[in-house]
Amino acid sequence: MPRHILNESHIHPAIQGFIANHHREVVEEVQAAIAQHRVVVVGMRQNPMCKAVRKRLSDANIQHHYLEYGSYFSDWRKRNALKLWTGWPTFPMVFVEGVLVGGDSNVKDLLAAGQLR
């Protein structure tokens, strides 16, 4: 099912650059990590689900690269840029072989089904 994203023709030219470059460095950092590592977890401090998915992966002997962007009290704009880029509404964001697989409960399900090794 395709995501609903506002077509560029419906965005005023004066703000297209702003939208395209909104925390671009954060998105590019995540893209670079995804290109370099089989499993990448993008999270934030103080979020118990971010800690849980990292423990779940470690317990399954799955190496992962972790990127952290602020806490509940900081860097929400950077995290928002990642949410807009992926369409995934929560943290953590887990990528396996370049594919967004979801968060902690999704990783739990993939491990239980033997689909993540």
PDB file of N, CA and C in Angstrom:
ATOM      1  N   MET A   1       0.846  -1.171   0.000  1.00  0.00           N
ATOM      2  CA  MET A   1       0.000   0.000   0.000  1.00  0.00           C
ATOM      3  C   MET A   1       0.897   1.241   0.000  1.00  0.00           C
ATOM      4  N   PRO A   2       0.745   2.106  -0.978  1.00  0.00           N
ATOM      5  CA  PRO A   2       1.583   3.304  -1.016  1.00  0.00           C
ATOM      6  C   PRO A   2       1.241   4.274   0.110  1.00  0.00           C
ATOM      7  N   ARG A   3       2.275   4.939   0.597  1.00  0.00           N
ATOM      8  CA  ARG A   3       2.083   5.953   1.634  1.00  0.00           C
ATOM      9  C   ARG A   3       1.512   7.211   1.022  1.00  0.00           C
ATOM     10  N   HIS A   4       0.708   7.895   1.772  1.00  0.00           N
ATOM     11  CA  HIS A   4       0.193   9.194   1.349  1.00  0.00           C
ATOM     12  C   HIS A   4       1.221  10.257   1.710  1.00  0.00           C
ATOM     13  N   ILE A   5       1.835  10.816   0.680  1.00  0.00           N
ATOM     14  CA  ILE A   5       2.797  11.889   0.860  1.00  0.00           C
ATOM     15  C   ILE A   5       2.358  13.028  -0.046  1.00  0.00           C
ATOM     16  N   LEU A   6       2.366  14.217   0.498  1.00  0.00           N
ATOM     17  CA  LEU A   6       1.946  15.373  -0.273  1.00  0.00           C
ATOM     18  C   LEU A   6       2.836  15.522  -1.502  1.00  0.00           C
ATOM     19  N   ASN A   7       2.224  15.555  -2.650  1.00  0.00           N
ATOM     20  CA  ASN A   7       2.944  15.686  -3.907  1.00  0.00           C
ATOM     21  C   ASN A   7       3.673  17.021  -3.943  1.00  0.00           C
ATOM     22  N   GLU A   8       4.907  16.988  -4.454  1.00  0.00           N
ATOM     23  CA  GLU A   8       5.724  18.193  -4.505  1.00  0.00           C
ATOM     24  C   GLU A   8       5.028  19.334  -5.254  1.00  0.00           C
ATOM     25  N   SER A   9       4.183  19.003  -6.222  1.00  0.00           N
ATOM     26  CA  SER A   9       3.468  20.047  -6.968  1.00  0.00           C
ATOM     27  C   SER A   9       2.470  20.794  -6.078  1.00  0.00           C
ATOM     28  N   HIS A  10       2.174  20.239  -4.908  1.00  0.00           N
ATOM     29  CA  HIS A  10       1.261  20.889  -3.961  1.00  0.00           C
ATOM     30  C   HIS A  10       2.000  21.563  -2.807  1.00  0.00           C
ATOM     31  N   ILE A  11       3.306  21.736  -2.984  1.00  0.00           N
ATOM     32  CA  ILE A  11       4.118  22.434  -1.984  1.00  0.00           C
ATOM     33  C   ILE A  11       4.686  23.676  -2.656  1.00  0.00           C
ATOM     34  N   HIS A  12       4.490  24.795  -2.046  1.00  0.00           N
ATOM     35  CA  HIS A  12       4.954  26.052  -2.642  1.00  0.00           C
ATOM     36  C   HIS A  12       6.471  26.002  -2.855  1.00  0.00           C
ATOM     37  N   PRO A  13       6.938  26.462  -4.016  1.00  0.00           N
ATOM     38  CA  PRO A  13       8.373  26.421  -4.319  1.00  0.00           C
ATOM     39  C   PRO A  13       9.244  27.116  -3.270  1.00  0.00           C
ATOM     40  N   ALA A  14       8.716  28.112  -2.600  1.00  0.00           N
ATOM     41  CA  ALA A  14       9.494  28.849  -1.611  1.00  0.00           C
ATOM     42  C   ALA A  14       9.872  28.000  -0.398  1.00  0.00           C
ATOM     43  N   ILE A  15       9.131  26.926  -0.151  1.00  0.00           N
ATOM     44  CA  ILE A  15       9.441  26.101   1.030  1.00  0.00           C
ATOM     45  C   ILE A  15       9.933  24.702   0.672  1.00  0.00           C
ATOM     46  N   GLN A  16       9.994  24.374  -0.589  1.00  0.00           N
ATOM     47  CA  GLN A  16      10.451  23.038  -0.983  1.00  0.00           C
ATOM     48  C   GLN A  16      11.858  22.746  -0.486  1.00  0.00           C
ATOM     49  N   GLY A  17      12.757  23.715  -0.584  1.00  0.00           N
ATOM     50  CA  GLY A  17      14.130  23.524  -0.108  1.00  0.00           C
ATOM     51  C   GLY A  17      14.190  23.304   1.389  1.00  0.00           C
ATOM     52  N   PHE A  18      13.366  24.054   2.114  1.00  0.00           N
ATOM     53  CA  PHE A  18      13.326  23.883   3.569  1.00  0.00           C
ATOM     54  C   PHE A  18      12.907  22.463   3.928  1.00  0.00           C
ATOM     55  N   ILE A  19      11.878  21.989   3.271  1.00  0.00           N
ATOM     56  CA  ILE A  19      11.388  20.638   3.537  1.00  0.00           C
ATOM     57  C   ILE A  19      12.454  19.596   3.173  1.00  0.00           C
ATOM     58  N   ALA A  20      13.068  19.766   2.014  1.00  0.00           N
ATOM     59  CA  ALA A  20      14.068  18.804   1.544  1.00  0.00           C
ATOM     60  C   ALA A  20      15.291  18.750   2.440  1.00  0.00           C
ATOM     61  N   ASN A  21      15.605  19.858   3.097  1.00  0.00           N
ATOM     62  CA  ASN A  21      16.832  19.918   3.896  1.00  0.00           C
ATOM     63  C   ASN A  21      16.594  19.879   5.396  1.00  0.00           C
ATOM     64  N   HIS A  22      15.361  19.692   5.816  1.00  0.00           N
ATOM     65  CA  HIS A  22      15.025  19.672   7.248  1.00  0.00           C
ATOM     66  C   HIS A  22      15.759  18.528   7.944  1.00  0.00           C
ATOM     67  N   HIS A  23      16.761  18.868   8.729  1.00  0.00           N
ATOM     68  CA  HIS A  23      17.601  17.895   9.444  1.00  0.00           C
ATOM     69  C   HIS A  23      18.120  16.805   8.507  1.00  0.00           C
ATOM     70  N   ARG A  24      18.491  17.219   7.328  1.00  0.00           N
ATOM     71  CA  ARG A  24      19.015  16.300   6.321  1.00  0.00           C
ATOM     72  C   ARG A  24      20.219  15.506   6.840  1.00  0.00           C
ATOM     73  N   GLU A  25      21.065  16.157   7.651  1.00  0.00           N
ATOM     74  CA  GLU A  25      22.265  15.490   8.166  1.00  0.00           C
ATOM     75  C   GLU A  25      21.912  14.278   9.021  1.00  0.00           C
ATOM     76  N   VAL A  26      20.800  14.336   9.741  1.00  0.00           N
ATOM     77  CA  VAL A  26      20.370  13.210  10.573  1.00  0.00           C
ATOM     78  C   VAL A  26      19.915  12.053   9.689  1.00  0.00           C
ATOM     79  N   VAL A  27      19.107  12.371   8.694  1.00  0.00           N
ATOM     80  CA  VAL A  27      18.646  11.332   7.768  1.00  0.00           C
ATOM     81  C   VAL A  27      19.834  10.706   7.047  1.00  0.00           C
ATOM     82  N   GLU A  28      20.777  11.524   6.610  1.00  0.00           N
ATOM     83  CA  GLU A  28      21.957  10.998   5.910  1.00  0.00           C
ATOM     84  C   GLU A  28      22.835  10.160   6.825  1.00  0.00           C
ATOM     85  N   GLU A  29      22.912  10.521   8.106  1.00  0.00           N
ATOM     86  CA  GLU A  29      23.677   9.712   9.062  1.00  0.00           C
ATOM     87  C   GLU A  29      23.045   8.320   9.209  1.00  0.00           C
ATOM     88  N   VAL A  30      21.735   8.276   9.297  1.00  0.00           N
ATOM     89  CA  VAL A  30      21.040   6.988   9.399  1.00  0.00           C
ATOM     90  C   VAL A  30      21.209   6.197   8.100  1.00  0.00           C
ATOM     91  N   GLN A  31      21.080   6.855   6.965  1.00  0.00           N
ATOM     92  CA  GLN A  31      21.267   6.170   5.685  1.00  0.00           C
ATOM     93  C   GLN A  31      22.665   5.583   5.571  1.00  0.00           C
ATOM     94  N   ALA A  32      23.671   6.320   6.016  1.00  0.00           N
ATOM     95  CA  ALA A  32      25.052   5.821   5.979  1.00  0.00           C
ATOM     96  C   ALA A  32      25.222   4.610   6.886  1.00  0.00           C
ATOM     97  N   ALA A  33      24.630   4.653   8.061  1.00  0.00           N
ATOM     98  CA  ALA A  33      24.720   3.516   8.983  1.00  0.00           C
ATOM     99  C   ALA A  33      24.037   2.289   8.400  1.00  0.00           C
ATOM    100  N   ILE A  34      22.890   2.493   7.761  1.00  0.00           N
ATOM    101  CA  ILE A  34      22.158   1.384   7.142  1.00  0.00           C
ATOM    102  C   ILE A  34      22.994   0.754   6.036  1.00  0.00           C
ATOM    103  N   ALA A  35      23.733   1.580   5.303  1.00  0.00           N
ATOM    104  CA  ALA A  35      24.579   1.068   4.222  1.00  0.00           C
ATOM    105  C   ALA A  35      25.787   0.295   4.754  1.00  0.00           C
ATOM    106  N   GLN A  36      26.221   0.610   5.978  1.00  0.00           N
ATOM    107  CA  GLN A  36      27.430   0.004   6.538  1.00  0.00           C
ATOM    108  C   GLN A  36      27.175  -1.180   7.461  1.00  0.00           C
ATOM    109  N   HIS A  37      25.996  -1.291   8.008  1.00  0.00           N
ATOM    110  CA  HIS A  37      25.721  -2.305   9.024  1.00  0.00           C
ATOM    111  C   HIS A  37      24.491  -3.125   8.646  1.00  0.00           C
ATOM    112  N   ARG A  38      24.534  -4.405   8.962  1.00  0.00           N
ATOM    113  CA  ARG A  38      23.398  -5.292   8.647  1.00  0.00           C
ATOM    114  C   ARG A  38      22.157  -4.899   9.448  1.00  0.00           C
ATOM    115  N   VAL A  39      22.344  -4.611  10.734  1.00  0.00           N
ATOM    116  CA  VAL A  39      21.224  -4.245  11.606  1.00  0.00           C
ATOM    117  C   VAL A  39      21.534  -2.900  12.262  1.00  0.00           C
ATOM    118  N   VAL A  40      20.591  -1.980  12.146  1.00  0.00           N
ATOM    119  CA  VAL A  40      20.728  -0.650  12.748  1.00  0.00           C
ATOM    120  C   VAL A  40      19.489  -0.385  13.595  1.00  0.00           C
ATOM    121  N   VAL A  41      19.734   0.082  14.808  1.00  0.00           N
ATOM    122  CA  VAL A  41      18.653   0.493  15.704  1.00  0.00           C
ATOM    123  C   VAL A  41      18.783   1.993  15.909  1.00  0.00           C
ATOM    124  N   VAL A  42      17.711   2.715  15.649  1.00  0.00           N
ATOM    125  CA  VAL A  42      17.676   4.158  15.876  1.00  0.00           C
ATOM    126  C   VAL A  42      16.763   4.384  17.069  1.00  0.00           C
ATOM    127  N   GLY A  43      17.310   5.037  18.089  1.00  0.00           N
ATOM    128  CA  GLY A  43      16.532   5.197  19.302  1.00  0.00           C
ATOM    129  C   GLY A  43      16.757   6.520  19.987  1.00  0.00           C
ATOM    130  N   MET A  44      16.378   6.535  21.251  1.00  0.00           N
ATOM    131  CA  MET A  44      16.482   7.730  22.078  1.00  0.00           C
ATOM    132  C   MET A  44      16.666   7.319  23.531  1.00  0.00           C
ATOM    133  N   ARG A  45      17.330   8.200  24.300  1.00  0.00           N
ATOM    134  CA  ARG A  45      17.508   7.942  25.736  1.00  0.00           C
ATOM    135  C   ARG A  45      16.162   7.890  26.441  1.00  0.00           C
ATOM    136  N   GLN A  46      16.115   7.175  27.518  1.00  0.00           N
ATOM    137  CA  GLN A  46      14.959   7.086  28.411  1.00  0.00           C
ATOM    138  C   GLN A  46      13.783   6.307  27.837  1.00  0.00           C
ATOM    139  N   ASN A  47      13.900   5.803  26.632  1.00  0.00           N
ATOM    140  CA  ASN A  47      12.792   5.057  26.044  1.00  0.00           C
ATOM    141  C   ASN A  47      13.009   3.571  26.337  1.00  0.00           C
ATOM    142  N   PRO A  48      12.149   2.954  27.130  1.00  0.00           N
ATOM    143  CA  PRO A  48      12.355   1.553  27.501  1.00  0.00           C
ATOM    144  C   PRO A  48      12.291   0.596  26.311  1.00  0.00           C
ATOM    145  N   MET A  49      11.567   0.954  25.264  1.00  0.00           N
ATOM    146  CA  MET A  49      11.471   0.060  24.103  1.00  0.00           C
ATOM    147  C   MET A  49      12.787   0.028  23.323  1.00  0.00           C
ATOM    148  N   CYS A  50      13.501   1.130  23.317  1.00  0.00           N
ATOM    149  CA  CYS A  50      14.809   1.173  22.654  1.00  0.00           C
ATOM    150  C   CYS A  50      15.787   0.266  23.391  1.00  0.00           C
ATOM    151  N   LYS A  51      15.755   0.341  24.706  1.00  0.00           N
ATOM    152  CA  LYS A  51      16.616  -0.531  25.514  1.00  0.00           C
ATOM    153  C   LYS A  51      16.206  -1.991  25.328  1.00  0.00           C
ATOM    154  N   ALA A  52      14.918  -2.258  25.286  1.00  0.00           N
ATOM    155  CA  ALA A  52      14.419  -3.635  25.168  1.00  0.00           C
ATOM    156  C   ALA A  52      14.823  -4.269  23.843  1.00  0.00           C
ATOM    157  N   VAL A  53      14.710  -3.530  22.736  1.00  0.00           N
ATOM    158  CA  VAL A  53      15.048  -4.130  21.447  1.00  0.00           C
ATOM    159  C   VAL A  53      16.547  -4.389  21.351  1.00  0.00           C
ATOM    160  N   ARG A  54      17.360  -3.520  21.929  1.00  0.00           N
ATOM    161  CA  ARG A  54      18.809  -3.760  21.919  1.00  0.00           C
ATOM    162  C   ARG A  54      19.154  -5.006  22.730  1.00  0.00           C
ATOM    163  N   LYS A  55      18.490  -5.193  23.860  1.00  0.00           N
ATOM    164  CA  LYS A  55      18.721  -6.390  24.672  1.00  0.00           C
ATOM    165  C   LYS A  55      18.241  -7.627  23.923  1.00  0.00           C
ATOM    166  N   ARG A  56      17.094  -7.518  23.288  1.00  0.00           N
ATOM    167  CA  ARG A  56      16.527  -8.642  22.527  1.00  0.00           C
ATOM    168  C   ARG A  56      17.494  -9.080  21.412  1.00  0.00           C
ATOM    169  N   LEU A  57      18.047  -8.119  20.701  1.00  0.00           N
ATOM    170  CA  LEU A  57      18.999  -8.432  19.635  1.00  0.00           C
ATOM    171  C   LEU A  57      20.283  -9.024  20.196  1.00  0.00           C
ATOM    172  N   SER A  58      20.775  -8.451  21.289  1.00  0.00           N
ATOM    173  CA  SER A  58      21.990  -8.979  21.919  1.00  0.00           C
ATOM    174  C   SER A  58      21.779 -10.396  22.426  1.00  0.00           C
ATOM    175  N   ASP A  59      20.635 -10.651  23.048  1.00  0.00           N
ATOM    176  CA  ASP A  59      20.328 -11.993  23.548  1.00  0.00           C
ATOM    177  C   ASP A  59      20.259 -13.016  22.414  1.00  0.00           C
ATOM    178  N   ALA A  60      19.891 -12.554  21.215  1.00  0.00           N
ATOM    179  CA  ALA A  60      19.816 -13.437  20.048  1.00  0.00           C
ATOM    180  C   ALA A  60      21.148 -13.477  19.290  1.00  0.00           C
ATOM    181  N   ASN A  61      22.178 -12.871  19.890  1.00  0.00           N
ATOM    182  CA  ASN A  61      23.512 -12.802  19.272  1.00  0.00           C
ATOM    183  C   ASN A  61      23.489 -12.132  17.902  1.00  0.00           C
ATOM    184  N   ILE A  62      22.680 -11.108  17.778  1.00  0.00           N
ATOM    185  CA  ILE A  62      22.607 -10.338  16.543  1.00  0.00           C
ATOM    186  C   ILE A  62      23.295  -8.997  16.790  1.00  0.00           C
ATOM    187  N   GLN A  63      24.425  -8.802  16.128  1.00  0.00           N
ATOM    188  CA  GLN A  63      25.139  -7.552  16.265  1.00  0.00           C
ATOM    189  C   GLN A  63      24.329  -6.439  15.617  1.00  0.00           C
ATOM    190  N   HIS A  64      24.382  -5.280  16.232  1.00  0.00           N
ATOM    191  CA  HIS A  64      23.646  -4.148  15.691  1.00  0.00           C
ATOM    192  C   HIS A  64      24.396  -2.855  15.980  1.00  0.00           C
ATOM    193  N   HIS A  65      24.140  -1.896  15.155  1.00  0.00           N
ATOM    194  CA  HIS A  65      24.704  -0.556  15.321  1.00  0.00           C
ATOM    195  C   HIS A  65      23.593   0.313  15.894  1.00  0.00           C
ATOM    196  N   TYR A  66      23.929   1.104  16.914  1.00  0.00           N
ATOM    197  CA  TYR A  66      22.917   1.915  17.579  1.00  0.00           C
ATOM    198  C   TYR A  66      23.186   3.396  17.371  1.00  0.00           C
ATOM    199  N   LEU A  67      22.165   4.116  16.971  1.00  0.00           N
ATOM    200  CA  LEU A  67      22.205   5.567  16.864  1.00  0.00           C
ATOM    201  C   LEU A  67      21.156   6.125  17.811  1.00  0.00           C
ATOM    202  N   GLU A  68      21.532   7.147  18.564  1.00  0.00           N
ATOM    203  CA  GLU A  68      20.625   7.707  19.554  1.00  0.00           C
ATOM    204  C   GLU A  68      20.456   9.203  19.313  1.00  0.00           C
ATOM    205  N   TYR A  69      19.216   9.646  19.295  1.00  0.00           N
ATOM    206  CA  TYR A  69      18.902  11.050  19.061  1.00  0.00           C
ATOM    207  C   TYR A  69      18.081  11.597  20.209  1.00  0.00           C
ATOM    208  N   GLY A  70      18.771  12.164  21.187  1.00  0.00           N
ATOM    209  CA  GLY A  70      18.140  12.862  22.286  1.00  0.00           C
ATOM    210  C   GLY A  70      17.340  11.991  23.231  1.00  0.00           C
ATOM    211  N   SER A  71      16.457  12.676  23.945  1.00  0.00           N
ATOM    212  CA  SER A  71      15.605  12.026  24.936  1.00  0.00           C
ATOM    213  C   SER A  71      14.206  12.613  24.791  1.00  0.00           C
ATOM    214  N   TYR A  72      13.366  12.297  25.736  1.00  0.00           N
ATOM    215  CA  TYR A  72      12.022  12.877  25.709  1.00  0.00           C
ATOM    216  C   TYR A  72      12.078  14.407  25.808  1.00  0.00           C
ATOM    217  N   PHE A  73      13.205  14.920  26.286  1.00  0.00           N
ATOM    218  CA  PHE A  73      13.327  16.357  26.532  1.00  0.00           C
ATOM    219  C   PHE A  73      14.210  17.085  25.523  1.00  0.00           C
ATOM    220  N   SER A  74      14.777  16.371  24.559  1.00  0.00           N
ATOM    221  CA  SER A  74      15.673  17.036  23.612  1.00  0.00           C
ATOM    222  C   SER A  74      15.653  16.346  22.248  1.00  0.00           C
ATOM    223  N   ASP A  75      16.053  17.100  21.257  1.00  0.00           N
ATOM    224  CA  ASP A  75      16.233  16.607  19.886  1.00  0.00           C
ATOM    225  C   ASP A  75      14.971  16.040  19.251  1.00  0.00           C
ATOM    226  N   TRP A  76      13.802  16.487  19.673  1.00  0.00           N
ATOM    227  CA  TRP A  76      12.577  15.952  19.085  1.00  0.00           C
ATOM    228  C   TRP A  76      12.464  16.331  17.609  1.00  0.00           C
ATOM    229  N   ARG A  77      13.046  17.449  17.204  1.00  0.00           N
ATOM    230  CA  ARG A  77      12.975  17.838  15.794  1.00  0.00           C
ATOM    231  C   ARG A  77      13.773  16.866  14.920  1.00  0.00           C
ATOM    232  N   LYS A  78      14.917  16.420  15.420  1.00  0.00           N
ATOM    233  CA  LYS A  78      15.705  15.429  14.673  1.00  0.00           C
ATOM    234  C   LYS A  78      14.922  14.132  14.541  1.00  0.00           C
ATOM    235  N   ARG A  79      14.313  13.699  15.633  1.00  0.00           N
ATOM    236  CA  ARG A  79      13.523  12.464  15.577  1.00  0.00           C
ATOM    237  C   ARG A  79      12.317  12.639  14.658  1.00  0.00           C
ATOM    238  N   ASN A  80      11.728  13.824  14.676  1.00  0.00           N
ATOM    239  CA  ASN A  80      10.598  14.089  13.804  1.00  0.00           C
ATOM    240  C   ASN A  80      11.012  13.975  12.334  1.00  0.00           C
ATOM    241  N   ALA A  81      12.193  14.466  11.992  1.00  0.00           N
ATOM    242  CA  ALA A  81      12.684  14.342  10.613  1.00  0.00           C
ATOM    243  C   ALA A  81      12.800  12.868  10.215  1.00  0.00           C
ATOM    244  N   LEU A  82      13.228  12.028  11.144  1.00  0.00           N
ATOM    245  CA  LEU A  82      13.332  10.585  10.855  1.00  0.00           C
ATOM    246  C   LEU A  82      11.948   9.964  10.703  1.00  0.00           C
ATOM    247  N   LYS A  83      11.001  10.399  11.500  1.00  0.00           N
ATOM    248  CA  LYS A  83       9.636   9.900  11.372  1.00  0.00           C
ATOM    249  C   LYS A  83       9.032  10.290  10.022  1.00  0.00           C
ATOM    250  N   LEU A  84       9.288  11.518   9.608  1.00  0.00           N
ATOM    251  CA  LEU A  84       8.776  11.970   8.313  1.00  0.00           C
ATOM    252  C   LEU A  84       9.433  11.191   7.175  1.00  0.00           C
ATOM    253  N   TRP A  85      10.731  10.929   7.304  1.00  0.00           N
ATOM    254  CA  TRP A  85      11.464  10.212   6.270  1.00  0.00           C
ATOM    255  C   TRP A  85      10.972   8.771   6.140  1.00  0.00           C
ATOM    256  N   THR A  86      10.793   8.085   7.271  1.00  0.00           N
ATOM    257  CA  THR A  86      10.434   6.663   7.229  1.00  0.00           C
ATOM    258  C   THR A  86       8.930   6.417   7.175  1.00  0.00           C
ATOM    259  N   GLY A  87       8.164   7.316   7.765  1.00  0.00           N
ATOM    260  CA  GLY A  87       6.738   7.053   7.930  1.00  0.00           C
ATOM    261  C   GLY A  87       6.445   6.231   9.178  1.00  0.00           C
ATOM    262  N   TRP A  88       7.487   5.824   9.914  1.00  0.00           N
ATOM    263  CA  TRP A  88       7.311   5.042  11.140  1.00  0.00           C
ATOM    264  C   TRP A  88       7.099   6.005  12.302  1.00  0.00           C
ATOM    265  N   PRO A  89       6.034   5.841  13.092  1.00  0.00           N
ATOM    266  CA  PRO A  89       5.653   6.863  14.067  1.00  0.00           C
ATOM    267  C   PRO A  89       6.362   6.803  15.415  1.00  0.00           C
ATOM    268  N   THR A  90       7.094   5.733  15.703  1.00  0.00           N
ATOM    269  CA  THR A  90       7.641   5.581  17.050  1.00  0.00           C
ATOM    270  C   THR A  90       9.112   5.174  17.009  1.00  0.00           C
ATOM    271  N   PHE A  91       9.730   5.182  18.191  1.00  0.00           N
ATOM    272  CA  PHE A  91      11.091   4.688  18.370  1.00  0.00           C
ATOM    273  C   PHE A  91      11.043   3.517  19.315  1.00  0.00           C
ATOM    274  N   PRO A  92      11.890   2.524  19.051  1.00  0.00           N
ATOM    275  CA  PRO A  92      12.987   2.499  18.097  1.00  0.00           C
ATOM    276  C   PRO A  92      12.509   2.256  16.667  1.00  0.00           C
ATOM    277  N   MET A  93      13.436   2.548  15.755  1.00  0.00           N
ATOM    278  CA  MET A  93      13.299   2.164  14.357  1.00  0.00           C
ATOM    279  C   MET A  93      14.399   1.151  14.101  1.00  0.00           C
ATOM    280  N   VAL A  94      14.024  -0.019  13.634  1.00  0.00           N
ATOM    281  CA  VAL A  94      15.021  -1.073  13.399  1.00  0.00           C
ATOM    282  C   VAL A  94      15.070  -1.367  11.908  1.00  0.00           C
ATOM    283  N   PHE A  95      16.285  -1.333  11.377  1.00  0.00           N
ATOM    284  CA  PHE A  95      16.526  -1.626   9.968  1.00  0.00           C
ATOM    285  C   PHE A  95      17.358  -2.900   9.878  1.00  0.00           C
ATOM    286  N   VAL A  96      16.956  -3.804   9.006  1.00  0.00           N
ATOM    287  CA  VAL A  96      17.707  -5.046   8.773  1.00  0.00           C
ATOM    288  C   VAL A  96      17.975  -5.127   7.275  1.00  0.00           C
ATOM    289  N   GLU A  97      19.243  -5.180   6.950  1.00  0.00           N
ATOM    290  CA  GLU A  97      19.672  -5.229   5.550  1.00  0.00           C
ATOM    291  C   GLU A  97      19.008  -4.114   4.732  1.00  0.00           C
ATOM    292  N   GLY A  98      18.971  -2.925   5.314  1.00  0.00           N
ATOM    293  CA  GLY A  98      18.448  -1.758   4.621  1.00  0.00           C
ATOM    294  C   GLY A  98      16.948  -1.609   4.629  1.00  0.00           C
ATOM    295  N   VAL A  99      16.242  -2.525   5.281  1.00  0.00           N
ATOM    296  CA  VAL A  99      14.772  -2.507   5.278  1.00  0.00           C
ATOM    297  C   VAL A  99      14.270  -2.168   6.681  1.00  0.00           C
ATOM    298  N   LEU A 100      13.372  -1.205   6.768  1.00  0.00           N
ATOM    299  CA  LEU A 100      12.748  -0.880   8.047  1.00  0.00           C
ATOM    300  C   LEU A 100      11.817  -2.027   8.422  1.00  0.00           C
ATOM    301  N   VAL A 101      12.085  -2.654   9.578  1.00  0.00           N
ATOM    302  CA  VAL A 101      11.245  -3.782  10.010  1.00  0.00           C
ATOM    303  C   VAL A 101      10.303  -3.389  11.149  1.00  0.00           C
ATOM    304  N   GLY A 102      10.432  -2.161  11.657  1.00  0.00           N
ATOM    305  CA  GLY A 102       9.543  -1.703  12.710  1.00  0.00           C
ATOM    306  C   GLY A 102      10.278  -1.442  14.001  1.00  0.00           C
ATOM    307  N   GLY A 103       9.609  -1.764  15.109  1.00  0.00           N
ATOM    308  CA  GLY A 103      10.165  -1.514  16.434  1.00  0.00           C
ATOM    309  C   GLY A 103      10.352  -2.795  17.221  1.00  0.00           C
ATOM    310  N   ASP A 104      10.334  -2.680  18.535  1.00  0.00           N
ATOM    311  CA  ASP A 104      10.617  -3.813  19.417  1.00  0.00           C
ATOM    312  C   ASP A 104       9.649  -4.974  19.216  1.00  0.00           C
ATOM    313  N   SER A 105       8.349  -4.718  19.197  1.00  0.00           N
ATOM    314  CA  SER A 105       7.395  -5.831  19.059  1.00  0.00           C
ATOM    315  C   SER A 105       7.524  -6.509  17.699  1.00  0.00           C
ATOM    316  N   ASN A 106       7.884  -5.741  16.672  1.00  0.00           N
ATOM    317  CA  ASN A 106       8.072  -6.329  15.348  1.00  0.00           C
ATOM    318  C   ASN A 106       9.311  -7.216  15.316  1.00  0.00           C
ATOM    319  N   VAL A 107      10.379  -6.760  15.969  1.00  0.00           N
ATOM    320  CA  VAL A 107      11.598  -7.574  16.057  1.00  0.00           C
ATOM    321  C   VAL A 107      11.320  -8.841  16.854  1.00  0.00           C
ATOM    322  N   LYS A 108      10.562  -8.718  17.938  1.00  0.00           N
ATOM    323  CA  LYS A 108      10.180  -9.883  18.736  1.00  0.00           C
ATOM    324  C   LYS A 108       9.458 -10.914  17.866  1.00  0.00           C
ATOM    325  N   ASP A 109       8.516 -10.452  17.057  1.00  0.00           N
ATOM    326  CA  ASP A 109       7.764 -11.354  16.178  1.00  0.00           C
ATOM    327  C   ASP A 109       8.669 -11.996  15.127  1.00  0.00           C
ATOM    328  N   LEU A 110       9.570 -11.217  14.539  1.00  0.00           N
ATOM    329  CA  LEU A 110      10.486 -11.753  13.526  1.00  0.00           C
ATOM    330  C   LEU A 110      11.416 -12.812  14.128  1.00  0.00           C
ATOM    331  N   LEU A 111      11.894 -12.550  15.338  1.00  0.00           N
ATOM    332  CA  LEU A 111      12.755 -13.531  16.004  1.00  0.00           C
ATOM    333  C   LEU A 111      11.983 -14.809  16.302  1.00  0.00           C
ATOM    334  N   ALA A 112      10.768 -14.679  16.792  1.00  0.00           N
ATOM    335  CA  ALA A 112       9.947 -15.849  17.124  1.00  0.00           C
ATOM    336  C   ALA A 112       9.646 -16.676  15.879  1.00  0.00           C
ATOM    337  N   ALA A 113       9.504 -16.007  14.739  1.00  0.00           N
ATOM    338  CA  ALA A 113       9.205 -16.709  13.470  1.00  0.00           C
ATOM    339  C   ALA A 113      10.467 -17.219  12.790  1.00  0.00           C
ATOM    340  N   GLY A 114      11.627 -16.946  13.394  1.00  0.00           N
ATOM    341  CA  GLY A 114      12.880 -17.379  12.802  1.00  0.00           C
ATOM    342  C   GLY A 114      13.268 -16.609  11.559  1.00  0.00           C
ATOM    343  N   GLN A 115      12.725 -15.429  11.400  1.00  0.00           N
ATOM    344  CA  GLN A 115      12.978 -14.638  10.195  1.00  0.00           C
ATOM    345  C   GLN A 115      14.071 -13.595  10.379  1.00  0.00           C
ATOM    346  N   LEU A 116      14.715 -13.605  11.523  1.00  0.00           N
ATOM    347  CA  LEU A 116      15.771 -12.627  11.781  1.00  0.00           C
ATOM    348  C   LEU A 116      16.947 -13.335  12.417  1.00  0.00           C
ATOM    349  N   ARG A 117      17.941 -13.586  11.635  1.00  0.00           N
ATOM    350  CA  ARG A 117      19.165 -14.244  12.127  1.00  0.00           C
ATOM    351  C   ARG A 117      20.373 -13.586  11.593  1.00  0.00           C
TER     352      ARG A 117
END
